[in-house]
Protein backbone atom coordinates (compact mmCIF):
# COMPACT_ATOMS: atom_id res chain seq x y z
CA MET A 1 94.67 143.60 55.26
CA SER A 2 92.57 143.07 52.15
CA THR A 3 92.59 145.38 49.11
CA ASP A 4 89.15 146.79 49.92
CA GLU A 5 90.22 147.59 53.45
CA ARG A 6 93.37 149.34 52.20
CA LEU A 7 91.28 151.41 49.75
CA HIS A 8 88.85 152.22 52.53
CA THR A 9 91.63 153.33 54.79
CA ALA A 10 93.17 155.41 52.02
CA ALA A 11 89.80 157.02 51.30
CA LEU A 12 89.47 158.18 54.91
CA VAL A 13 92.77 159.94 54.86
CA GLU A 14 92.03 163.57 54.03
CA PRO A 15 94.92 165.51 52.56
CA ARG A 16 95.39 168.95 54.03
CA GLY A 17 93.85 171.81 52.05
CA GLU A 18 91.57 169.55 50.02
CA ALA A 19 88.28 171.05 48.81
CA ARG A 20 85.06 170.09 50.60
CA CYS A 21 83.47 168.62 47.48
CA ASN A 22 86.40 166.27 47.04
CA ARG A 23 86.17 165.10 50.66
CA ARG A 24 82.44 164.25 50.20
CA THR A 25 83.25 162.30 47.07
CA ARG A 26 86.00 160.32 48.84
CA ARG A 27 83.67 159.44 51.77
CA ARG A 28 80.92 158.25 49.43
CA GLU A 29 83.45 156.06 47.63
CA ALA A 30 84.67 154.57 50.91
CA SER A 31 81.09 153.76 51.98
CA ARG A 32 80.46 152.07 48.66
CA ILE A 33 83.60 149.93 48.97
CA GLU A 34 82.67 148.89 52.51
CA ALA A 35 79.13 147.92 51.45
CA ASP A 36 80.47 145.85 48.54
CA ALA A 37 82.86 143.97 50.90
CA ARG A 38 80.04 143.23 53.36
CA ARG A 39 77.78 141.89 50.58
CA SER A 40 80.65 139.73 49.31
CA ARG A 41 81.21 138.13 52.72
CA HIS A 42 77.48 137.49 53.09
CA ARG A 43 77.27 135.77 49.69
CA GLU A 44 80.30 133.57 50.57
CA ALA A 45 78.80 132.54 53.91
CA ARG A 46 75.47 131.72 52.30
CA THR A 47 77.16 129.64 49.63
CA ASN A 48 79.02 127.60 52.28
CA TRP A 49 75.84 127.06 54.29
CA GLN A 50 73.93 125.83 51.24
CA ALA A 51 76.76 123.41 50.40
CA GLU A 52 76.76 121.92 53.91
CA ARG A 53 72.97 121.63 53.86
CA ASP A 54 72.99 119.88 50.50
CA GLU A 55 75.72 117.47 51.76
CA ALA A 56 73.68 116.63 54.88
CA ARG A 57 70.53 116.05 52.82
CA ASN A 58 72.35 113.72 50.42
CA ALA A 59 73.90 111.57 53.26
CA ALA A 60 72.45 108.03 53.74
CA TYR A 61 71.05 107.40 57.26
CA LEU A 62 69.38 104.26 58.63
CA PRO A 63 65.77 104.74 59.63
CA ALA A 64 64.98 105.13 63.32
CA SER A 65 63.57 101.60 63.46
CA GLY A 66 66.68 100.04 61.87
CA GLU A 67 67.09 98.14 58.66
CA PRO A 68 63.97 96.59 57.17
CA GLY A 69 63.32 92.86 57.25
CA ALA A 70 64.93 90.43 59.73
CA ALA A 71 67.26 93.13 61.07
CA THR A 72 64.44 95.43 62.17
CA LEU A 73 65.13 97.10 65.52
CA ARG A 74 68.59 95.43 65.68
CA THR A 75 70.57 98.57 64.99
CA PRO A 76 71.95 99.90 68.29
CA GLY A 77 70.71 103.32 69.13
CA ARG A 78 71.25 105.62 72.03
CA LEU A 79 71.28 103.61 75.28
CA ARG A 80 70.62 105.43 78.49
CA LEU A 81 71.18 103.59 81.79
CA PRO A 82 70.61 104.90 85.29
CA LYS A 83 73.77 105.63 87.26
CA HIS A 84 74.80 103.13 89.95
CA GLN A 85 77.43 103.53 92.65
CA ASP A 86 78.88 100.66 94.71
CA THR A 87 82.12 99.30 96.19
CA SER A 88 84.74 97.62 94.04
CA ALA A 89 84.25 94.34 95.95
CA THR A 90 80.55 94.26 95.02
CA LEU A 91 81.10 95.41 91.46
CA ALA A 92 83.64 92.64 90.96
CA GLY A 93 80.79 90.15 91.33
CA HIS A 94 78.64 92.04 88.80
CA TYR A 95 81.25 91.58 86.06
CA PRO A 96 81.87 87.80 85.89
CA PHE A 97 84.04 88.12 82.80
CA LEU A 98 86.80 89.87 84.77
CA ALA A 99 89.20 87.13 86.03
CA GLU A 100 92.25 87.01 88.28
CA GLY A 101 95.48 87.69 86.41
CA GLY A 102 97.37 84.76 87.99
CA LEU A 103 100.81 84.62 89.57
CA GLY A 104 102.80 85.16 86.39
CA SER A 105 104.50 82.75 84.01
CA ALA A 106 107.78 82.14 85.87
CA GLY A 107 107.94 78.97 87.90
CA VAL A 108 106.49 75.46 87.95
CA PHE A 109 103.42 74.63 85.88
CA VAL A 110 100.64 73.24 88.07
CA GLY A 111 97.53 73.13 85.91
CA GLN A 112 94.63 75.31 84.82
CA ASP A 113 92.98 78.17 86.65
CA LEU A 114 89.32 77.18 86.43
CA TYR A 115 88.07 80.77 86.65
CA SER A 116 90.25 82.40 84.01
CA GLY A 117 91.10 79.33 81.93
CA ALA A 118 94.77 80.31 81.94
CA SER A 119 97.73 78.20 82.99
CA PHE A 120 98.51 78.32 86.70
CA VAL A 121 102.17 78.54 87.69
CA TYR A 122 103.60 78.51 91.21
CA ASP A 123 107.10 78.82 92.66
CA PRO A 124 107.65 80.04 96.25
CA TRP A 125 111.17 81.29 95.55
CA VAL A 126 110.07 83.33 92.53
CA LEU A 127 107.12 84.79 94.43
CA TYR A 128 109.37 85.69 97.35
CA GLN A 129 111.83 87.46 95.02
CA ARG A 130 108.94 89.46 93.57
CA GLY A 131 107.70 90.45 97.02
CA MET A 132 104.34 88.67 96.54
CA ILE A 133 104.90 86.49 99.62
CA THR A 134 107.13 86.83 102.66
CA ALA A 135 107.03 83.21 103.89
CA PRO A 136 107.82 80.40 101.40
CA ASN A 137 106.12 77.64 103.42
CA VAL A 138 103.09 75.68 102.16
CA VAL A 139 100.22 73.92 103.93
CA LEU A 140 98.33 71.28 101.92
CA ALA A 141 95.14 69.65 103.21
CA GLY A 142 92.69 67.25 101.59
CA ILE A 143 90.75 64.07 102.30
CA VAL A 144 91.97 60.67 101.09
CA GLY A 145 91.64 60.32 97.33
CA SER A 146 91.37 64.05 96.58
CA GLY A 147 94.77 64.19 94.82
CA LYS A 148 96.87 66.09 97.34
CA SER A 149 99.77 63.59 97.25
CA SER A 150 100.03 63.88 93.48
CA LEU A 151 100.10 67.65 93.75
CA ALA A 152 102.92 67.58 96.32
CA LYS A 153 104.98 65.23 94.16
CA SER A 154 104.38 67.32 91.05
CA LEU A 155 105.46 70.52 92.77
CA TYR A 156 108.79 69.19 93.97
CA THR A 157 109.69 66.99 90.98
CA ARG A 158 108.92 69.77 88.48
CA SER A 159 111.17 72.05 90.55
CA LEU A 160 114.21 69.82 90.02
CA PRO A 161 115.08 71.24 86.54
CA PHE A 162 115.18 74.70 88.16
CA GLY A 163 118.03 73.61 90.46
CA ARG A 164 115.95 72.80 93.54
CA ARG A 165 116.52 69.72 95.69
CA VAL A 166 114.02 67.70 97.71
CA TYR A 167 114.24 66.17 101.17
CA VAL A 168 111.54 64.07 102.81
CA PRO A 169 112.65 63.66 106.45
CA GLY A 170 109.95 61.07 107.14
CA ASP A 171 107.76 59.07 104.78
CA PRO A 172 105.49 56.88 106.97
CA LYS A 173 103.79 55.18 104.00
CA GLY A 174 106.76 54.93 101.61
CA GLU A 175 104.93 56.90 98.91
CA HIS A 176 107.96 58.98 97.95
CA THR A 177 110.42 56.08 97.51
CA ALA A 178 109.51 55.38 93.88
CA VAL A 179 109.64 59.09 93.08
CA ALA A 180 113.10 59.48 94.64
CA GLU A 181 114.47 56.56 92.61
CA ALA A 182 112.82 57.82 89.42
CA VAL A 183 114.52 61.25 89.62
CA GLY A 184 117.97 59.88 90.42
CA GLY A 185 117.76 60.35 94.18
CA LYS A 186 117.87 57.92 97.05
CA ALA A 187 115.37 56.47 99.49
CA ILE A 188 116.81 55.36 102.82
CA VAL A 189 114.66 52.46 104.06
CA LEU A 190 114.81 51.79 107.80
CA GLY A 191 113.03 49.14 109.78
CA HIS A 192 113.35 46.01 111.87
CA GLY A 193 114.98 43.11 110.07
CA LEU A 194 116.91 45.33 107.67
CA ARG A 195 120.68 45.81 107.62
CA ASN A 196 120.49 49.60 107.62
CA ARG A 197 121.66 51.33 110.79
CA LEU A 198 121.47 54.99 111.74
CA ASN A 199 123.98 56.37 114.23
CA PRO A 200 122.54 59.53 115.83
CA LEU A 201 126.08 60.66 116.77
CA ASP A 202 127.47 60.74 113.22
CA GLU A 203 129.30 63.90 112.28
CA GLY A 204 127.00 64.59 109.35
CA HIS A 205 127.58 67.10 106.58
CA ARG A 206 130.25 69.74 107.07
CA ALA A 207 130.18 72.99 105.14
CA SER A 208 133.40 73.74 103.27
CA SER A 209 133.56 77.25 104.78
CA THR A 210 133.46 76.00 108.40
CA SER A 211 136.71 76.20 110.37
CA ASP A 212 137.88 73.40 112.65
CA ALA A 213 136.96 75.31 115.81
CA GLU A 214 133.50 76.19 114.49
CA TRP A 215 132.88 72.66 113.34
CA SER A 216 133.92 71.20 116.69
CA ALA A 217 131.54 73.52 118.55
CA GLN A 218 128.66 72.87 116.13
CA LEU A 219 129.13 69.11 116.28
CA ALA A 220 129.22 69.04 120.09
CA ALA A 221 126.09 71.20 120.36
CA ARG A 222 124.19 69.14 117.79
CA ARG A 223 125.05 65.87 119.50
CA ARG A 224 123.96 67.15 122.91
CA GLU A 225 120.71 68.51 121.50
CA LEU A 226 119.99 65.32 119.57
CA ILE A 227 120.56 62.96 122.52
CA GLY A 228 118.36 65.21 124.67
CA ALA A 229 115.60 65.22 122.03
CA LEU A 230 115.72 61.43 121.71
CA ALA A 231 115.44 61.04 125.49
CA GLU A 232 112.50 63.47 125.67
CA THR A 233 110.74 61.60 122.89
CA VAL A 234 111.03 58.24 124.59
CA LEU A 235 110.23 59.64 128.06
CA ASP A 236 107.40 61.78 126.64
CA ARG A 237 108.36 64.67 128.95
CA PRO A 238 111.04 67.40 129.21
CA LEU A 239 114.37 66.54 130.80
CA THR A 240 115.36 67.80 134.22
CA PRO A 241 118.61 69.76 134.76
CA LEU A 242 120.17 66.73 136.49
CA GLU A 243 119.35 64.53 133.49
CA HIS A 244 120.91 67.10 131.16
CA THR A 245 124.08 66.97 133.23
CA ALA A 246 124.17 63.18 133.12
CA ILE A 247 123.83 63.23 129.33
CA ASP A 248 126.51 65.90 128.87
CA LEU A 249 129.11 64.07 130.97
CA ALA A 250 128.36 60.70 129.40
CA LEU A 251 128.53 62.13 125.89
CA ALA A 252 131.82 63.92 126.57
CA ASP A 253 133.34 60.68 127.91
CA ALA A 254 132.13 58.73 124.86
CA VAL A 255 133.58 61.32 122.45
CA ARG A 256 136.97 61.12 124.18
CA SER A 257 137.05 57.33 123.82
CA ALA A 258 136.15 57.09 120.12
CA ASP A 259 136.42 59.28 117.01
CA VAL A 260 132.83 58.44 116.07
CA PRO A 261 130.91 57.43 119.20
CA ILE A 262 127.78 55.33 119.03
CA LEU A 263 124.66 55.42 121.17
CA PRO A 264 125.43 52.30 123.28
CA MET A 265 128.57 54.05 124.57
CA VAL A 266 126.52 56.96 125.87
CA VAL A 267 123.93 54.65 127.45
CA ASP A 268 126.63 52.65 129.27
CA ARG A 269 128.21 55.83 130.64
CA ILE A 270 124.86 57.20 131.83
CA LEU A 271 123.96 54.01 133.67
CA ALA A 272 127.50 53.44 134.96
CA PRO A 273 129.34 56.80 135.13
CA SER A 274 133.00 57.01 136.12
CA GLN A 275 133.82 57.53 139.77
CA ALA A 276 135.79 60.66 138.86
CA ASP A 277 132.47 62.32 137.98
CA ASP A 278 130.79 61.37 141.26
CA GLY A 279 129.51 58.19 139.69
CA GLY A 280 127.11 57.17 142.46
CA ARG A 281 125.18 60.40 142.39
CA LEU A 282 125.14 60.64 138.56
CA ALA A 283 123.92 57.07 138.22
CA GLU A 284 120.92 57.95 140.37
CA ASP A 285 120.27 61.28 138.60
CA GLY A 286 120.44 59.78 135.12
CA ARG A 287 118.78 56.46 135.83
CA LEU A 288 115.47 57.20 134.09
CA VAL A 289 117.00 58.86 131.05
CA GLY A 290 119.58 56.06 130.76
CA HIS A 291 116.88 53.38 130.72
CA ALA A 292 114.85 55.42 128.22
CA LEU A 293 117.80 55.58 125.81
CA ARG A 294 118.50 51.91 126.45
CA ARG A 295 115.24 51.13 124.60
CA LEU A 296 116.97 52.34 121.44
CA VAL A 297 119.87 49.92 121.74
CA ALA A 298 118.59 46.89 123.64
CA GLY A 299 114.84 47.21 124.08
CA ASP A 300 111.79 47.18 121.84
CA LEU A 301 113.28 49.95 119.68
CA ALA A 302 116.61 48.15 119.18
CA GLY A 303 118.17 47.27 115.85
CA LEU A 304 118.32 50.72 114.24
CA PHE A 305 120.57 52.86 116.44
CA ASP A 306 122.93 50.38 118.12
CA GLY A 307 125.89 50.56 115.73
CA PRO A 308 127.75 52.64 113.14
CA SER A 309 125.69 54.07 110.31
CA THR A 310 125.35 51.97 107.18
CA VAL A 311 123.59 54.77 105.27
CA ARG A 312 124.70 58.29 104.55
CA PHE A 313 122.83 61.48 103.83
CA ASP A 314 124.15 62.87 100.54
CA PRO A 315 123.04 66.53 100.18
CA THR A 316 124.19 66.64 96.56
CA LEU A 317 121.49 64.22 95.37
CA PRO A 318 118.39 65.74 93.75
CA MET A 319 116.15 63.97 96.27
CA VAL A 320 116.58 62.07 99.54
CA SER A 321 113.67 60.37 101.28
CA LEU A 322 113.60 58.52 104.61
CA ASP A 323 111.23 55.58 104.10
CA LEU A 324 109.60 54.67 107.43
CA SER A 325 106.92 52.36 106.07
CA ARG A 326 108.51 49.35 107.85
CA VAL A 327 107.99 50.98 111.26
CA ALA A 328 104.68 52.74 110.60
CA GLU A 329 102.98 50.84 113.43
CA ASN A 330 105.35 52.26 116.06
CA SER A 331 104.72 55.99 116.42
CA THR A 332 107.53 56.42 119.00
CA LEU A 333 110.07 54.86 116.67
CA ILE A 334 108.89 57.06 113.81
CA SER A 335 109.43 60.14 115.97
CA VAL A 336 112.92 58.97 116.98
CA LEU A 337 113.89 58.34 113.35
CA MET A 338 112.49 61.70 112.32
CA THR A 339 114.47 63.42 115.05
CA CYS A 340 117.70 61.80 113.85
CA SER A 341 117.00 62.60 110.20
CA SER A 342 116.20 66.21 111.08
CA ALA A 343 119.67 66.52 112.59
CA TRP A 344 121.15 65.25 109.32
CA MET A 345 119.11 67.71 107.37
CA GLU A 346 119.98 70.70 109.55
CA SER A 347 123.70 70.16 109.03
CA ALA A 348 123.14 70.23 105.25
CA LEU A 349 120.76 73.19 105.35
CA SER A 350 123.23 75.29 107.31
CA ASP A 351 125.70 75.05 104.42
CA PRO A 352 125.55 78.35 102.44
CA ALA A 353 126.28 76.35 99.29
CA GLY A 354 123.47 73.89 99.93
CA GLY A 355 121.09 75.53 97.46
CA GLN A 356 117.32 75.76 97.61
CA ARG A 357 115.37 72.77 98.81
CA TRP A 358 111.82 71.51 99.29
CA VAL A 359 111.28 69.86 102.71
CA ILE A 360 108.18 67.65 102.71
CA TYR A 361 106.42 66.69 105.94
CA ASP A 362 103.91 64.03 104.91
CA GLU A 363 101.32 62.67 107.36
CA ALA A 364 102.02 65.70 109.55
CA TRP A 365 99.51 64.65 112.21
CA ARG A 366 101.91 61.85 113.21
CA LEU A 367 104.94 64.10 113.45
CA MET A 368 103.39 66.92 115.45
CA ALA A 369 102.44 64.69 118.38
CA TYR A 370 105.94 64.90 119.87
CA PRO A 371 107.16 68.16 121.46
CA ALA A 372 110.85 67.72 120.55
CA LEU A 373 110.05 67.09 116.90
CA LEU A 374 107.45 69.84 116.79
CA ARG A 375 109.98 72.35 118.13
CA ARG A 376 112.45 71.34 115.42
CA MET A 377 109.82 71.77 112.75
CA ASP A 378 108.84 75.18 114.10
CA ALA A 379 112.48 76.33 114.10
CA GLN A 380 112.97 75.20 110.49
CA TRP A 381 109.80 77.00 109.41
CA ARG A 382 110.88 80.22 111.06
CA LEU A 383 114.35 79.97 109.47
CA ALA A 384 113.05 78.97 106.04
CA ARG A 385 114.17 82.22 104.41
CA HIS A 386 117.59 82.01 106.06
CA PHE A 387 118.11 78.42 104.88
CA GLY A 388 116.55 79.04 101.45
CA ILE A 389 114.03 76.22 101.90
CA ALA A 390 110.30 75.83 101.35
CA ASN A 391 108.56 73.56 103.86
CA MET A 392 105.40 71.71 102.90
CA LEU A 393 103.09 70.34 105.60
CA ILE A 394 100.54 67.77 104.39
CA PHE A 395 97.34 67.08 106.35
CA HIS A 396 94.15 65.17 105.76
CA LYS A 397 92.11 67.82 107.55
CA LEU A 398 92.92 70.95 109.52
CA SER A 399 91.10 69.65 112.58
CA ASP A 400 94.12 67.35 113.08
CA LEU A 401 95.70 70.34 114.78
CA ASP A 402 93.18 69.95 117.61
CA ASN A 403 94.88 66.66 118.51
CA VAL A 404 98.21 68.39 119.11
CA GLY A 405 98.54 69.00 122.84
CA ASP A 406 95.86 70.39 125.09
CA SER A 407 93.86 73.51 124.35
CA GLY A 408 95.96 76.55 125.23
CA SER A 409 99.14 74.49 125.62
CA ALA A 410 102.53 75.41 124.18
CA MET A 411 102.34 72.52 121.71
CA ARG A 412 99.01 73.76 120.35
CA ALA A 413 100.50 77.23 119.97
CA LEU A 414 103.49 75.82 118.07
CA ALA A 415 101.21 73.86 115.75
CA SER A 416 99.12 76.96 115.06
CA SER A 417 102.27 78.99 114.36
CA LEU A 418 103.10 76.62 111.49
CA LEU A 419 99.93 77.78 109.75
CA ALA A 420 100.69 81.40 110.55
CA ASN A 421 104.14 81.08 108.94
CA ALA A 422 102.71 79.62 105.72
CA GLU A 423 101.30 82.17 103.28
CA THR A 424 100.35 79.50 100.74
CA ARG A 425 97.41 77.36 101.83
CA ILE A 426 96.09 74.70 99.45
CA VAL A 427 92.80 73.04 100.38
CA TYR A 428 91.44 70.06 98.49
CA ARG A 429 88.02 68.52 99.02
CA GLN A 430 86.83 68.49 102.64
CA GLU A 431 83.96 66.72 104.31
CA PRO A 432 80.99 68.94 105.25
CA ASP A 433 81.60 68.48 108.97
CA GLN A 434 85.15 69.83 108.58
CA LEU A 435 84.23 73.05 106.78
CA GLY A 436 83.90 75.20 109.90
CA ALA A 437 87.26 74.17 111.35
CA THR A 438 88.99 74.57 107.99
CA ALA A 439 87.49 78.00 107.34
CA THR A 440 88.42 79.19 110.83
CA ALA A 441 91.99 77.89 110.67
CA LEU A 442 92.71 79.33 107.21
CA GLY A 443 90.51 82.43 107.33
CA LEU A 444 88.33 81.42 104.37
CA SER A 445 85.40 83.50 103.18
CA GLY A 446 81.87 82.13 103.06
CA THR A 447 82.06 81.57 99.31
CA GLU A 448 85.36 79.69 99.62
CA GLN A 449 83.96 77.56 102.42
CA LYS A 450 80.93 76.51 100.35
CA LEU A 451 83.21 75.67 97.43
CA LEU A 452 85.29 73.01 99.24
CA PRO A 453 82.77 70.09 99.23
CA THR A 454 82.16 70.53 95.49
CA LEU A 455 85.79 70.20 94.39
CA GLY A 456 86.61 67.22 92.19
CA THR A 457 89.70 65.04 92.10
CA GLY A 458 92.77 67.17 91.51
CA GLN A 459 90.92 70.43 92.11
CA GLY A 460 92.04 72.67 94.94
CA LEU A 461 91.46 76.08 96.45
CA TRP A 462 94.76 77.98 96.52
CA ARG A 463 95.13 80.85 98.98
CA VAL A 464 98.36 82.71 98.18
CA LYS A 465 98.52 85.43 100.79
CA ASP A 466 95.32 87.45 100.12
CA ARG A 467 94.55 86.03 96.66
CA SER A 468 92.42 83.00 95.85
CA PHE A 469 92.48 80.59 92.91
CA VAL A 470 90.65 77.40 92.02
CA VAL A 471 93.10 75.21 90.14
CA GLN A 472 92.75 71.94 88.29
CA HIS A 473 95.97 69.99 88.73
CA GLN A 474 97.21 68.37 85.50
CA LEU A 475 99.46 65.30 85.31
CA HIS A 476 101.44 63.72 82.50
CA PRO A 477 100.59 60.02 82.04
CA ASP A 478 104.12 59.07 83.16
CA GLU A 479 103.68 61.16 86.30
CA LEU A 480 100.34 59.54 86.95
CA THR A 481 101.97 56.11 86.87
CA THR A 482 104.86 57.12 89.13
CA PHE A 483 102.76 59.07 91.62
CA ASP A 484 99.98 56.47 91.88
CA THR A 485 99.15 55.55 95.48
CA THR A 486 96.30 53.13 94.70
CA ALA A 487 98.25 50.36 92.98
CA ARG A 488 97.16 47.68 95.45
CA MET A 489 93.50 48.65 95.20
CA ALA A 490 93.73 48.77 91.41
CA ASP A 491 95.39 45.34 91.25
CA LEU A 492 92.57 43.66 93.15
CA GLY A 493 90.43 43.35 90.08
CA ALA A 494 93.19 42.51 87.61
CA PRO A 495 93.76 38.94 86.40
CA ALA A 496 96.88 37.18 87.66
CA GLY A 497 99.95 38.23 85.74
CA GLN A 498 98.19 41.18 84.12
CA PRO A 499 98.65 44.73 85.49
CA ALA A 500 95.54 46.70 86.26
CA GLN A 501 94.69 49.67 84.06
CA LEU A 502 95.04 52.97 85.90
CA GLU A 503 91.94 55.09 85.65
CA GLY A 504 92.68 58.24 83.70
CA ALA A 505 96.24 57.13 82.88
CA GLY A 506 95.92 58.31 79.33
CA SER A 507 94.68 61.77 80.18
CA HIS A 508 95.39 64.66 82.44
CA LEU A 509 93.71 64.88 85.79
């Protein structure tokens, strides 16, 4: 309470017994004090108002038309835009400067995201740990010369420092042999005229945690399944129950007679079973399957499976590749070799201490033509998370799947399931007549479909689950030399004794 208000309050208090004239005097004095206080507040308010007005008048403002001279009308003023409402999908196209954030910085460097300009990094194991994908398998498609082989080699070789290993169960063109030797791995070269032999009945890799009883059961089951798959591949049809029985009895007899049986032993026992096993009837039941397996030891497919193995699958190496370039003209032999190598690989993959591994299926259109091999591939893709592996299937074009079995057949369904179990789809340049099949198989949008024919060398459309990226693959000059698949074509124009100069060898793709 101010002094004037206290005086006013005191003036209103009338002592008892006070004379009337004194009361009138006190009231007049209180009115005077109240009027003086009101005038004082009014003067103070007016003074403040005048000060604010003077300050506003003295402030420097730009003219409404902006600064004079060259900057006229350049000063931003009040901008009023009409309101617009739309979906987030449409608005995303109205703001071209908003780019995808990428897959993070943990993993293997691939190249540059052409939309955002940032580095593009990919690692299926890291993405699975983060919950961004649920299937670590990859499908890679692209026409010849688009750069898909270099991308596959970059992905798995750059994963080696992170503790991954690489296995190529079948390399029909021998493209991965130089890479395997460069990284300290091994390429197993098989073919007619070579000394290498592959015994399908080898024991293979045994996990340290497997007991003797478990190992015996696993080995017997794997041998039975492998001999049956080889017979189906050569016969090009499923086995009958009688043929399964003939194989089982012959295999059991061969195992009893040798610690490490070989395929000729099984063939002899199928064609000439013991009389204790009702030999006459078994010989008739297993005649076709016996002659089919005989092709592998004495027929046109002989020379690779008719003796003890001279090569060994070492799962501790950073990379193992099965070079089939010497038998590329014989599709049946390629399938048989792939079936045997898959059995090797499965024994190593089942080891809990086997680690994480890339499994590369190059020239997949060759491999998927055989039901036994296709079923093995499908099983490995479905068990990829259990085994800790990432499968990569490499095509030229997605319409190759139409050549797998008949429409509506079980083989066609298995081939389609490989795509369904791969949440990473990488598409390099495609011919215009392949765009419809590719878009349908991979579920591409119209914009993505129109983009495919315009992609340059090393540029690919990446579909990682529901996200899309356009990535320029980048190679180190040393990688470009090692991964080159056009050496013969490049050497055609080089003088004798002088190596041809690789195009772009001094720069990144």
